[in-house]
Amino acid sequence: MVRPVWERYFFIDGDGVFYNMGTEKGLPIAGVEKLIRGATDFRATASAKEELKQVLEEYATQVARASLVFCIHAKRTTVMEQDVVLVKP
């Protein structure tokens, strides 16, 4: 039996949750700081930047996983813009 391509990068546990088998790199703090400064004229503490980083990473991961479902449904191995657009609320 041939494994689907996406199984090389993700696996699903018993609860149906996707897990990334690659390395976790995450967003750089400098990028998060630029987002904060671009949105407001205020400064943020290191802990606030770290918390925002975690929230953004979690949201991006959820969107990526949902996009992957649309990609798999379309029998493709590449997530495309249309997959991400379908996920947007």
Protein backbone atom coordinates (compact mmCIF):
# COMPACT_ATOMS: atom_id res chain seq x y z
CA MET A 1 0.00 0.00 0.00
CA VAL A 2 1.36 3.40 -0.99
CA ARG A 3 1.27 6.07 1.69
CA PRO A 4 -0.18 9.49 0.77
CA VAL A 5 2.43 12.20 0.31
CA TRP A 6 1.15 14.27 3.23
CA GLU A 7 1.87 11.39 5.65
CA ARG A 8 5.57 12.03 5.14
CA TYR A 9 5.19 15.36 6.90
CA PHE A 10 2.19 14.95 9.19
CA PHE A 11 0.58 12.22 11.21
CA ILE A 12 -2.83 12.05 12.83
CA ASP A 13 -3.26 10.79 16.37
CA GLY A 14 -6.30 8.86 17.63
CA ASP A 15 -8.22 12.10 18.23
CA GLY A 16 -7.79 13.24 14.62
CA VAL A 17 -5.21 15.92 15.46
CA PHE A 18 -2.47 16.70 12.94
CA TYR A 19 1.11 16.90 14.14
CA ASN A 20 4.02 18.26 12.17
CA MET A 21 6.92 15.80 11.99
CA GLY A 22 9.38 18.51 10.89
CA THR A 23 11.39 20.87 13.01
CA GLU A 24 9.56 23.62 14.82
CA LYS A 25 11.12 26.96 13.93
CA GLY A 26 8.38 29.48 14.59
CA LEU A 27 8.19 33.21 13.97
CA PRO A 28 11.13 35.44 14.84
CA ILE A 29 10.54 37.88 17.71
CA ALA A 30 11.82 40.74 15.52
CA GLY A 31 8.99 40.10 13.05
CA VAL A 32 6.43 40.10 15.85
CA GLU A 33 7.88 43.37 17.12
CA LYS A 34 7.48 44.91 13.64
CA LEU A 35 3.84 43.83 13.59
CA ILE A 36 3.25 45.49 16.97
CA ARG A 37 5.00 48.71 15.96
CA GLY A 38 3.17 48.79 12.62
CA ALA A 39 -0.22 48.40 14.29
CA THR A 40 0.33 50.77 17.22
CA ASP A 41 2.66 53.49 18.42
CA PHE A 42 3.19 51.63 21.69
CA ARG A 43 6.02 49.44 22.85
CA ALA A 44 5.52 45.94 24.20
CA THR A 45 7.30 43.92 26.86
CA ALA A 46 9.25 40.81 25.99
CA SER A 47 6.57 38.62 27.57
CA ALA A 48 3.84 40.35 25.50
CA LYS A 49 5.86 39.76 22.31
CA GLU A 50 6.35 36.10 23.20
CA GLU A 51 2.64 35.66 23.94
CA LEU A 52 1.65 37.30 20.64
CA LYS A 53 4.18 35.09 18.87
CA GLN A 54 2.56 31.97 20.32
CA VAL A 55 -0.94 33.16 19.38
CA LEU A 56 0.11 33.96 15.80
CA GLU A 57 1.90 30.62 15.43
CA GLU A 58 -1.14 28.73 16.72
CA TYR A 59 -3.48 30.56 14.33
CA ALA A 60 -1.13 30.06 11.37
CA THR A 61 -0.84 26.36 12.20
CA GLN A 62 -4.63 25.99 12.31
CA VAL A 63 -5.00 27.71 8.93
CA ALA A 64 -2.21 25.58 7.43
CA ARG A 65 -3.76 22.34 8.69
CA ALA A 66 -7.20 23.29 7.41
CA SER A 67 -5.69 24.28 4.05
CA LEU A 68 -3.98 20.91 3.89
CA VAL A 69 -7.37 19.20 4.16
CA PHE A 70 -8.61 21.10 1.08
CA CYS A 71 -5.38 20.28 -0.74
CA ILE A 72 -5.73 16.57 0.02
CA HIS A 73 -9.39 16.64 -1.01
CA ALA A 74 -8.37 18.11 -4.38
CA LYS A 75 -5.79 15.30 -4.71
CA ARG A 76 -2.87 17.71 -4.84
CA THR A 77 0.42 17.71 -2.96
CA THR A 78 0.84 21.49 -2.96
CA VAL A 79 -1.24 23.86 -0.84
CA MET A 80 -2.39 26.69 -3.08
CA GLU A 81 -3.79 30.15 -2.45
CA GLN A 82 -7.33 28.90 -3.11
CA ASP A 83 -6.96 26.40 -0.24
CA VAL A 84 -6.03 29.15 2.18
CA VAL A 85 -8.82 31.43 0.92
CA LEU A 86 -11.37 28.69 1.62
CA VAL A 87 -10.22 28.58 5.25
CA LYS A 88 -10.52 32.32 5.94
CA PRO A 89 -13.52 33.19 8.11
